[in-house]
Amino acid sequence: REIDKLKFENKLMAEKMEDLANSEEIPNRKPPH
């Protein structure tokens, strides 16, 4: 049961990371400095 729970949480986190990577909130460029 714990493994199933962790797999589900991992899947949610992976989806959030993919959403963040695809969003324009985090541009893929070098910082100004």
Full PDB file with SEQRES, HELIX, SHEET, SSBOND, CRYST1, ORIGX, SCALE, CONECT and MASTER records, all heavy atoms in Angstrom:
SEQRES   1 A   33  ARG GLU ILE ASP LYS LEU LYS PHE GLU ASN LYS LEU MET          
SEQRES   2 A   33  ALA GLU LYS MET GLU ASP LEU ALA ASN SER GLU GLU ILE          
SEQRES   3 A   33  PRO ASN ARG LYS PRO PRO HIS                                  
HELIX    1 AA1 GLU A    2  ASN A   22  1                                  21    
CRYST1    1.000    1.000    1.000  90.00  90.00  90.00 P 1           1          
ORIGX1      1.000000  0.000000  0.000000        0.00000                         
ORIGX2      0.000000  1.000000  0.000000        0.00000                         
ORIGX3      0.000000  0.000000  1.000000        0.00000                         
SCALE1      1.000000  0.000000  0.000000        0.00000                         
SCALE2      0.000000  1.000000  0.000000        0.00000                         
SCALE3      0.000000  0.000000  1.000000        0.00000                         
ATOM      1  N   ARG A   1       0.837  -1.210   0.000  1.00  0.00           N  
ATOM      2  CA  ARG A   1       0.000   0.000   0.000  1.00  0.00           C  
ATOM      3  C   ARG A   1       0.868   1.254   0.000  1.00  0.00           C  
ATOM      4  O   ARG A   1       0.562   2.228  -0.703  1.00  0.00           O  
ATOM      5  CB  ARG A   1      -0.919  -0.002   1.218  1.00  0.00           C  
ATOM      6  CG  ARG A   1      -2.035  -1.001   1.116  1.00  0.00           C  
ATOM      7  CD  ARG A   1      -2.939  -0.940   2.332  1.00  0.00           C  
ATOM      8  NE  ARG A   1      -3.956  -1.992   2.251  1.00  0.00           N  
ATOM      9  CZ  ARG A   1      -4.409  -2.677   3.277  1.00  0.00           C  
ATOM     10  NH1 ARG A   1      -3.952  -2.434   4.500  1.00  0.00           N  
ATOM     11  NH2 ARG A   1      -5.323  -3.607   3.117  1.00  0.00           N  
ATOM     12  N   GLU A   2       1.926   1.244   0.781  1.00  0.00           N  
ATOM     13  CA  GLU A   2       2.821   2.394   0.848  1.00  0.00           C  
ATOM     14  C   GLU A   2       3.502   2.627  -0.501  1.00  0.00           C  
ATOM     15  O   GLU A   2       3.627   3.768  -0.945  1.00  0.00           O  
ATOM     16  CB  GLU A   2       3.870   2.183   1.947  1.00  0.00           C  
ATOM     17  CG  GLU A   2       4.758   3.366   2.189  1.00  0.00           C  
ATOM     18  CD  GLU A   2       4.054   4.550   2.835  1.00  0.00           C  
ATOM     19  OE1 GLU A   2       2.997   4.359   3.465  1.00  0.00           O  
ATOM     20  OE2 GLU A   2       4.569   5.671   2.697  1.00  0.00           O  
ATOM     21  N   ILE A   3       3.917   1.567  -1.160  1.00  0.00           N  
ATOM     22  CA  ILE A   3       4.544   1.682  -2.484  1.00  0.00           C  
ATOM     23  C   ILE A   3       3.551   2.256  -3.483  1.00  0.00           C  
ATOM     24  O   ILE A   3       3.897   3.138  -4.280  1.00  0.00           O  
ATOM     25  CB  ILE A   3       5.102   0.325  -2.951  1.00  0.00           C  
ATOM     26  CG1 ILE A   3       6.341  -0.033  -2.129  1.00  0.00           C  
ATOM     27  CG2 ILE A   3       5.423   0.347  -4.446  1.00  0.00           C  
ATOM     28  CD1 ILE A   3       6.829  -1.456  -2.329  1.00  0.00           C  
ATOM     29  N   ASP A   4       2.302   1.785  -3.452  1.00  0.00           N  
ATOM     30  CA  ASP A   4       1.280   2.320  -4.353  1.00  0.00           C  
ATOM     31  C   ASP A   4       1.063   3.806  -4.116  1.00  0.00           C  
ATOM     32  O   ASP A   4       0.954   4.590  -5.065  1.00  0.00           O  
ATOM     33  CB  ASP A   4      -0.044   1.568  -4.179  1.00  0.00           C  
ATOM     34  CG  ASP A   4       0.011   0.146  -4.718  1.00  0.00           C  
ATOM     35  OD1 ASP A   4       0.933  -0.179  -5.502  1.00  0.00           O  
ATOM     36  OD2 ASP A   4      -0.877  -0.655  -4.344  1.00  0.00           O  
ATOM     37  N   LYS A   5       1.034   4.201  -2.850  1.00  0.00           N  
ATOM     38  CA  LYS A   5       0.860   5.617  -2.493  1.00  0.00           C  
ATOM     39  C   LYS A   5       2.033   6.437  -3.019  1.00  0.00           C  
ATOM     40  O   LYS A   5       1.841   7.512  -3.601  1.00  0.00           O  
ATOM     41  CB  LYS A   5       0.742   5.754  -0.979  1.00  0.00           C  
ATOM     42  CG  LYS A   5       0.619   7.155  -0.492  1.00  0.00           C  
ATOM     43  CD  LYS A   5       0.597   7.207   1.027  1.00  0.00           C  
ATOM     44  CE  LYS A   5       0.721   8.630   1.516  1.00  0.00           C  
ATOM     45  NZ  LYS A   5       0.951   8.718   2.950  1.00  0.00           N  
ATOM     46  N   LEU A   6       3.250   5.949  -2.823  1.00  0.00           N  
ATOM     47  CA  LEU A   6       4.434   6.673  -3.277  1.00  0.00           C  
ATOM     48  C   LEU A   6       4.490   6.757  -4.810  1.00  0.00           C  
ATOM     49  O   LEU A   6       4.900   7.791  -5.363  1.00  0.00           O  
ATOM     50  CB  LEU A   6       5.698   6.019  -2.729  1.00  0.00           C  
ATOM     51  CG  LEU A   6       5.892   6.159  -1.217  1.00  0.00           C  
ATOM     52  CD1 LEU A   6       7.053   5.277  -0.759  1.00  0.00           C  
ATOM     53  CD2 LEU A   6       6.113   7.600  -0.821  1.00  0.00           C  
ATOM     54  N   LYS A   7       4.080   5.697  -5.487  1.00  0.00           N  
ATOM     55  CA  LYS A   7       4.030   5.742  -6.955  1.00  0.00           C  
ATOM     56  C   LYS A   7       3.064   6.820  -7.434  1.00  0.00           C  
ATOM     57  O   LYS A   7       3.347   7.558  -8.383  1.00  0.00           O  
ATOM     58  CB  LYS A   7       3.606   4.377  -7.522  1.00  0.00           C  
ATOM     59  CG  LYS A   7       4.685   3.337  -7.524  1.00  0.00           C  
ATOM     60  CD  LYS A   7       4.145   2.044  -8.126  1.00  0.00           C  
ATOM     61  CE  LYS A   7       5.184   0.966  -8.199  1.00  0.00           C  
ATOM     62  NZ  LYS A   7       4.642  -0.294  -8.747  1.00  0.00           N  
ATOM     63  N   PHE A   8       1.896   6.890  -6.774  1.00  0.00           N  
ATOM     64  CA  PHE A   8       0.902   7.892  -7.139  1.00  0.00           C  
ATOM     65  C   PHE A   8       1.441   9.301  -6.908  1.00  0.00           C  
ATOM     66  O   PHE A   8       1.323  10.182  -7.769  1.00  0.00           O  
ATOM     67  CB  PHE A   8      -0.388   7.674  -6.338  1.00  0.00           C  
ATOM     68  CG  PHE A   8      -1.460   8.673  -6.628  1.00  0.00           C  
ATOM     69  CD1 PHE A   8      -2.165   8.632  -7.817  1.00  0.00           C  
ATOM     70  CD2 PHE A   8      -1.762   9.668  -5.713  1.00  0.00           C  
ATOM     71  CE1 PHE A   8      -3.148   9.566  -8.092  1.00  0.00           C  
ATOM     72  CE2 PHE A   8      -2.743  10.604  -5.973  1.00  0.00           C  
ATOM     73  CZ  PHE A   8      -3.435  10.555  -7.165  1.00  0.00           C  
ATOM     74  N   GLU A   9       2.068   9.527  -5.748  1.00  0.00           N  
ATOM     75  CA  GLU A   9       2.643  10.839  -5.446  1.00  0.00           C  
ATOM     76  C   GLU A   9       3.759  11.183  -6.431  1.00  0.00           C  
ATOM     77  O   GLU A   9       3.873  12.335  -6.868  1.00  0.00           O  
ATOM     78  CB  GLU A   9       3.170  10.872  -4.017  1.00  0.00           C  
ATOM     79  CG  GLU A   9       2.074  10.860  -2.970  1.00  0.00           C  
ATOM     80  CD  GLU A   9       2.607  10.777  -1.544  1.00  0.00           C  
ATOM     81  OE1 GLU A   9       3.841  10.708  -1.356  1.00  0.00           O  
ATOM     82  OE2 GLU A   9       1.771  10.770  -0.629  1.00  0.00           O  
ATOM     83  N   ASN A  10       4.571  10.207  -6.774  1.00  0.00           N  
ATOM     84  CA  ASN A  10       5.642  10.427  -7.744  1.00  0.00           C  
ATOM     85  C   ASN A  10       5.070  10.821  -9.105  1.00  0.00           C  
ATOM     86  O   ASN A  10       5.597  11.720  -9.775  1.00  0.00           O  
ATOM     87  CB  ASN A  10       6.500   9.169  -7.852  1.00  0.00           C  
ATOM     88  CG  ASN A  10       7.739   9.395  -8.682  1.00  0.00           C  
ATOM     89  OD1 ASN A  10       8.331  10.448  -8.639  1.00  0.00           O  
ATOM     90  ND2 ASN A  10       8.121   8.382  -9.440  1.00  0.00           N  
ATOM     91  N   LYS A  11       3.996  10.161  -9.503  1.00  0.00           N  
ATOM     92  CA  LYS A  11       3.351  10.477 -10.781  1.00  0.00           C  
ATOM     93  C   LYS A  11       2.832  11.914 -10.766  1.00  0.00           C  
ATOM     94  O   LYS A  11       3.020  12.651 -11.731  1.00  0.00           O  
ATOM     95  CB  LYS A  11       2.209   9.503 -11.052  1.00  0.00           C  
ATOM     96  CG  LYS A  11       1.490   9.744 -12.348  1.00  0.00           C  
ATOM     97  CD  LYS A  11       0.343   8.768 -12.529  1.00  0.00           C  
ATOM     98  CE  LYS A  11      -0.428   9.133 -13.778  1.00  0.00           C  
ATOM     99  NZ  LYS A  11      -1.664   8.379 -13.905  1.00  0.00           N  
ATOM    100  N   LEU A  12       2.192  12.312  -9.665  1.00  0.00           N  
ATOM    101  CA  LEU A  12       1.687  13.681  -9.556  1.00  0.00           C  
ATOM    102  C   LEU A  12       2.825  14.695  -9.635  1.00  0.00           C  
ATOM    103  O   LEU A  12       2.713  15.726 -10.323  1.00  0.00           O  
ATOM    104  CB  LEU A  12       0.915  13.877  -8.251  1.00  0.00           C  
ATOM    105  CG  LEU A  12      -0.433  13.172  -8.129  1.00  0.00           C  
ATOM    106  CD1 LEU A  12      -1.035  13.421  -6.747  1.00  0.00           C  
ATOM    107  CD2 LEU A  12      -1.384  13.641  -9.213  1.00  0.00           C  
ATOM    108  N   MET A  13       3.913  14.414  -8.939  1.00  0.00           N  
ATOM    109  CA  MET A  13       5.056  15.334  -8.962  1.00  0.00           C  
ATOM    110  C   MET A  13       5.666  15.419 -10.354  1.00  0.00           C  
ATOM    111  O   MET A  13       6.048  16.508 -10.810  1.00  0.00           O  
ATOM    112  CB  MET A  13       6.093  14.898  -7.934  1.00  0.00           C  
ATOM    113  CG  MET A  13       5.634  15.142  -6.512  1.00  0.00           C  
ATOM    114  SD  MET A  13       6.771  14.525  -5.261  1.00  0.00           S  
ATOM    115  CE  MET A  13       8.226  15.463  -5.599  1.00  0.00           C  
ATOM    116  N   ALA A  14       5.754  14.297 -11.038  1.00  0.00           N  
ATOM    117  CA  ALA A  14       6.304  14.300 -12.395  1.00  0.00           C  
ATOM    118  C   ALA A  14       5.418  15.124 -13.325  1.00  0.00           C  
ATOM    119  O   ALA A  14       5.920  15.886 -14.172  1.00  0.00           O  
ATOM    120  CB  ALA A  14       6.447  12.871 -12.907  1.00  0.00           C  
ATOM    121  N   GLU A  15       4.106  14.994 -13.161  1.00  0.00           N  
ATOM    122  CA  GLU A  15       3.180  15.781 -13.983  1.00  0.00           C  
ATOM    123  C   GLU A  15       3.326  17.276 -13.688  1.00  0.00           C  
ATOM    124  O   GLU A  15       3.324  18.096 -14.606  1.00  0.00           O  
ATOM    125  CB  GLU A  15       1.741  15.322 -13.744  1.00  0.00           C  
ATOM    126  CG  GLU A  15       1.432  13.961 -14.319  1.00  0.00           C  
ATOM    127  CD  GLU A  15       0.064  13.421 -13.899  1.00  0.00           C  
ATOM    128  OE1 GLU A  15      -0.645  14.101 -13.119  1.00  0.00           O  
ATOM    129  OE2 GLU A  15      -0.289  12.313 -14.352  1.00  0.00           O  
ATOM    130  N   LYS A  16       3.473  17.632 -12.416  1.00  0.00           N  
ATOM    131  CA  LYS A  16       3.660  19.041 -12.056  1.00  0.00           C  
ATOM    132  C   LYS A  16       4.965  19.577 -12.627  1.00  0.00           C  
ATOM    133  O   LYS A  16       5.016  20.714 -13.118  1.00  0.00           O  
ATOM    134  CB  LYS A  16       3.638  19.217 -10.542  1.00  0.00           C  
ATOM    135  CG  LYS A  16       2.264  19.102  -9.949  1.00  0.00           C  
ATOM    136  CD  LYS A  16       2.290  19.343  -8.448  1.00  0.00           C  
ATOM    137  CE  LYS A  16       0.892  19.172  -7.868  1.00  0.00           C  
ATOM    138  NZ  LYS A  16       0.871  19.428  -6.416  1.00  0.00           N  
ATOM    139  N   MET A  17       6.023  18.773 -12.558  1.00  0.00           N  
ATOM    140  CA  MET A  17       7.308  19.201 -13.115  1.00  0.00           C  
ATOM    141  C   MET A  17       7.197  19.406 -14.626  1.00  0.00           C  
ATOM    142  O   MET A  17       7.749  20.366 -15.170  1.00  0.00           O  
ATOM    143  CB  MET A  17       8.392  18.170 -12.798  1.00  0.00           C  
ATOM    144  CG  MET A  17       8.746  18.065 -11.330  1.00  0.00           C  
ATOM    145  SD  MET A  17       9.536  19.536 -10.697  1.00  0.00           S  
ATOM    146  CE  MET A  17      11.109  19.440 -11.515  1.00  0.00           C  
ATOM    147  N   GLU A  18       6.489  18.519 -15.285  1.00  0.00           N  
ATOM    148  CA  GLU A  18       6.314  18.653 -16.739  1.00  0.00           C  
ATOM    149  C   GLU A  18       5.503  19.904 -17.054  1.00  0.00           C  
ATOM    150  O   GLU A  18       5.826  20.642 -17.989  1.00  0.00           O  
ATOM    151  CB  GLU A  18       5.621  17.412 -17.303  1.00  0.00           C  
ATOM    152  CG  GLU A  18       5.566  17.395 -18.810  1.00  0.00           C  
ATOM    153  CD  GLU A  18       4.990  16.107 -19.360  1.00  0.00           C  
ATOM    154  OE1 GLU A  18       5.140  15.058 -18.710  1.00  0.00           O  
ATOM    155  OE2 GLU A  18       4.398  16.163 -20.442  1.00  0.00           O  
ATOM    156  N   ASP A  19       4.458  20.148 -16.273  1.00  0.00           N  
ATOM    157  CA  ASP A  19       3.650  21.355 -16.471  1.00  0.00           C  
ATOM    158  C   ASP A  19       4.494  22.612 -16.280  1.00  0.00           C  
ATOM    159  O   ASP A  19       4.382  23.570 -17.050  1.00  0.00           O  
ATOM    160  CB  ASP A  19       2.453  21.386 -15.514  1.00  0.00           C  
ATOM    161  CG  ASP A  19       1.398  20.351 -15.858  1.00  0.00           C  
ATOM    162  OD1 ASP A  19       1.437  19.800 -16.985  1.00  0.00           O  
ATOM    163  OD2 ASP A  19       0.527  20.085 -14.994  1.00  0.00           O  
ATOM    164  N   LEU A  20       5.331  22.613 -15.235  1.00  0.00           N  
ATOM    165  CA  LEU A  20       6.198  23.768 -14.997  1.00  0.00           C  
ATOM    166  C   LEU A  20       7.213  23.946 -16.123  1.00  0.00           C  
ATOM    167  O   LEU A  20       7.501  25.073 -16.542  1.00  0.00           O  
ATOM    168  CB  LEU A  20       6.931  23.618 -13.667  1.00  0.00           C  
ATOM    169  CG  LEU A  20       6.121  23.902 -12.413  1.00  0.00           C  
ATOM    170  CD1 LEU A  20       6.930  23.545 -11.171  1.00  0.00           C  
ATOM    171  CD2 LEU A  20       5.718  25.364 -12.369  1.00  0.00           C  
ATOM    172  N   ALA A  21       7.751  22.856 -16.616  1.00  0.00           N  
ATOM    173  CA  ALA A  21       8.737  22.934 -17.693  1.00  0.00           C  
ATOM    174  C   ALA A  21       8.099  23.457 -18.979  1.00  0.00           C  
ATOM    175  O   ALA A  21       8.746  24.157 -19.761  1.00  0.00           O  
ATOM    176  CB  ALA A  21       9.372  21.577 -17.936  1.00  0.00           C  
ATOM    177  N   ASN A  22       6.833  23.146 -19.179  1.00  0.00           N  
ATOM    178  CA  ASN A  22       6.141  23.569 -20.398  1.00  0.00           C  
ATOM    179  C   ASN A  22       5.511  24.951 -20.260  1.00  0.00           C  
ATOM    180  O   ASN A  22       5.105  25.542 -21.253  1.00  0.00           O  
ATOM    181  CB  ASN A  22       5.068  22.558 -20.781  1.00  0.00           C  
ATOM    182  CG  ASN A  22       5.666  21.241 -21.218  1.00  0.00           C  
ATOM    183  OD1 ASN A  22       6.791  21.191 -21.709  1.00  0.00           O  
ATOM    184  ND2 ASN A  22       4.928  20.167 -21.035  1.00  0.00           N  
ATOM    185  N   SER A  23       5.400  25.460 -19.063  1.00  0.00           N  
ATOM    186  CA  SER A  23       4.768  26.767 -18.870  1.00  0.00           C  
ATOM    187  C   SER A  23       5.777  27.881 -19.135  1.00  0.00           C  
ATOM    188  O   SER A  23       6.988  27.674 -19.183  1.00  0.00           O  
ATOM    189  CB  SER A  23       4.208  26.883 -17.458  1.00  0.00           C  
ATOM    190  OG  SER A  23       5.262  27.027 -16.528  1.00  0.00           O  
ATOM    191  N   GLU A  24       5.273  29.071 -19.270  1.00  0.00           N  
ATOM    192  CA  GLU A  24       6.137  30.222 -19.524  1.00  0.00           C  
ATOM    193  C   GLU A  24       6.577  30.876 -18.230  1.00  0.00           C  
ATOM    194  O   GLU A  24       7.233  31.899 -18.251  1.00  0.00           O  
ATOM    195  CB  GLU A  24       5.416  31.214 -20.428  1.00  0.00           C  
ATOM    196  CG  GLU A  24       5.167  30.653 -21.810  1.00  0.00           C  
ATOM    197  CD  GLU A  24       4.555  31.667 -22.743  1.00  0.00           C  
ATOM    198  OE1 GLU A  24       4.746  32.878 -22.527  1.00  0.00           O  
ATOM    199  OE2 GLU A  24       3.883  31.244 -23.683  1.00  0.00           O  
ATOM    200  N   GLU A  25       6.210  30.325 -17.102  1.00  0.00           N  
ATOM    201  CA  GLU A  25       6.605  30.893 -15.821  1.00  0.00           C  
ATOM    202  C   GLU A  25       8.108  30.775 -15.601  1.00  0.00           C  
ATOM    203  O   GLU A  25       8.716  31.607 -14.961  1.00  0.00           O  
ATOM    204  CB  GLU A  25       5.873  30.187 -14.672  1.00  0.00           C  
ATOM    205  CG  GLU A  25       4.387  30.431 -14.670  1.00  0.00           C  
ATOM    206  CD  GLU A  25       3.700  29.637 -13.578  1.00  0.00           C  
ATOM    207  OE1 GLU A  25       4.351  29.243 -12.600  1.00  0.00           O  
ATOM    208  OE2 GLU A  25       2.502  29.395 -13.726  1.00  0.00           O  
ATOM    209  N   ILE A  26       8.712  29.717 -16.125  1.00  0.00           N  
ATOM    210  CA  ILE A  26      10.147  29.491 -15.954  1.00  0.00           C  
ATOM    211  C   ILE A  26      10.787  29.533 -17.340  1.00  0.00           C  
ATOM    212  O   ILE A  26      10.798  28.533 -18.056  1.00  0.00           O  
ATOM    213  CB  ILE A  26      10.427  28.131 -15.289  1.00  0.00           C  
ATOM    214  CG1 ILE A  26       9.735  28.050 -13.941  1.00  0.00           C  
ATOM    215  CG2 ILE A  26      11.928  27.911 -15.134  1.00  0.00           C  
ATOM    216  CD1 ILE A  26       9.862  26.716 -13.265  1.00  0.00           C  
ATOM    217  N   PRO A  27      11.295  30.693 -17.726  1.00  0.00           N  
ATOM    218  CA  PRO A  27      11.927  30.753 -19.051  1.00  0.00           C  
ATOM    219  C   PRO A  27      13.215  29.952 -19.094  1.00  0.00           C  
ATOM    220  O   PRO A  27      13.905  29.839 -18.102  1.00  0.00           O  
ATOM    221  CB  PRO A  27      12.195  32.252 -19.248  1.00  0.00           C  
ATOM    222  CG  PRO A  27      12.166  32.843 -17.883  1.00  0.00           C  
ATOM    223  CD  PRO A  27      11.324  31.928 -17.018  1.00  0.00           C  
ATOM    224  N   ASN A  28      13.512  29.432 -20.242  1.00  0.00           N  
ATOM    225  CA  ASN A  28      14.708  28.610 -20.418  1.00  0.00           C  
ATOM    226  C   ASN A  28      15.824  29.484 -20.979  1.00  0.00           C  
ATOM    227  O   ASN A  28      16.205  29.380 -22.136  1.00  0.00           O  
ATOM    228  CB  ASN A  28      14.388  27.450 -21.355  1.00  0.00           C  
ATOM    229  CG  ASN A  28      15.483  26.395 -21.318  1.00  0.00           C  
ATOM    230  OD1 ASN A  28      16.383  26.479 -20.487  1.00  0.00           O  
ATOM    231  ND2 ASN A  28      15.405  25.429 -22.196  1.00  0.00           N  
ATOM    232  N   ARG A  29      16.317  30.390 -20.147  1.00  0.00           N  
ATOM    233  CA  ARG A  29      17.393  31.290 -20.553  1.00  0.00           C  
ATOM    234  C   ARG A  29      18.309  31.566 -19.376  1.00  0.00           C  
ATOM    235  O   ARG A  29      17.970  31.278 -18.228  1.00  0.00           O  
ATOM    236  CB  ARG A  29      16.828  32.583 -21.110  1.00  0.00           C  
ATOM    237  CG  ARG A  29      15.987  33.332 -20.115  1.00  0.00           C  
ATOM    238  CD  ARG A  29      15.340  34.519 -20.714  1.00  0.00           C  
ATOM    239  NE  ARG A  29      14.384  35.021 -19.733  1.00  0.00           N  
ATOM    240  CZ  ARG A  29      13.974  36.241 -19.650  1.00  0.00           C  
ATOM    241  NH1 ARG A  29      14.381  37.125 -20.526  1.00  0.00           N  
ATOM    242  NH2 ARG A  29      13.122  36.602 -18.734  1.00  0.00           N  
ATOM    243  N   LYS A  30      19.444  32.172 -19.655  1.00  0.00           N  
ATOM    244  CA  LYS A  30      20.417  32.484 -18.605  1.00  0.00           C  
ATOM    245  C   LYS A  30      19.921  33.668 -17.780  1.00  0.00           C  
ATOM    246  O   LYS A  30      19.288  34.581 -18.300  1.00  0.00           O  
ATOM    247  CB  LYS A  30      21.768  32.826 -19.227  1.00  0.00           C  
ATOM    248  CG  LYS A  30      22.451  31.651 -19.853  1.00  0.00           C  
ATOM    249  CD  LYS A  30      23.813  32.027 -20.352  1.00  0.00           C  
ATOM    250  CE  LYS A  30      24.511  30.837 -20.964  1.00  0.00           C  
ATOM    251  NZ  LYS A  30      25.835  31.189 -21.485  1.00  0.00           N  
ATOM    252  N   PRO A  31      20.246  33.660 -16.497  1.00  0.00           N  
ATOM    253  CA  PRO A  31      19.900  34.828 -15.656  1.00  0.00           C  
ATOM    254  C   PRO A  31      20.635  36.071 -16.113  1.00  0.00           C  
ATOM    255  O   PRO A  31      21.672  35.992 -16.796  1.00  0.00           O  
ATOM    256  CB  PRO A  31      20.369  34.395 -14.253  1.00  0.00           C  
ATOM    257  CG  PRO A  31      20.559  32.923 -14.306  1.00  0.00           C  
ATOM    258  CD  PRO A  31      20.812  32.582 -15.725  1.00  0.00           C  
ATOM    259  N   PRO A  32      20.142  37.271 -15.758  1.00  0.00           N  
ATOM    260  CA  PRO A  32      20.747  38.527 -16.248  1.00  0.00           C  
ATOM    261  C   PRO A  32      22.193  38.730 -15.875  1.00  0.00           C  
ATOM    262  O   PRO A  32      22.913  39.448 -16.559  1.00  0.00           O  
ATOM    263  CB  PRO A  32      19.890  39.615 -15.608  1.00  0.00           C  
ATOM    264  CG  PRO A  32      18.732  38.944 -14.973  1.00  0.00           C  
ATOM    265  CD  PRO A  32      18.993  37.496 -14.939  1.00  0.00           C  
ATOM    266  N   HIS A  33      22.685  38.166 -14.807  1.00  0.00           N  
ATOM    267  CA  HIS A  33      24.065  38.411 -14.392  1.00  0.00           C  
ATOM    268  C   HIS A  33      25.117  37.638 -15.206  1.00  0.00           C  
ATOM    269  O   HIS A  33      26.289  37.765 -14.952  1.00  0.00           O  
ATOM    270  CB  HIS A  33      24.238  38.112 -12.898  1.00  0.00           C  
ATOM    271  CG  HIS A  33      23.971  36.688 -12.501  1.00  0.00           C  
ATOM    272  ND1 HIS A  33      22.683  36.211 -12.293  1.00  0.00           N  
ATOM    273  CD2 HIS A  33      24.798  35.644 -12.289  1.00  0.00           C  
ATOM    274  CE1 HIS A  33      22.756  34.942 -11.967  1.00  0.00           C  
ATOM    275  NE2 HIS A  33      24.019  34.565 -11.960  1.00  0.00           N  
TER     276      HIS A  33                                                      
MASTER        0    0    0    1    0    0    0    6  275    1    0    3          
END                                                                             
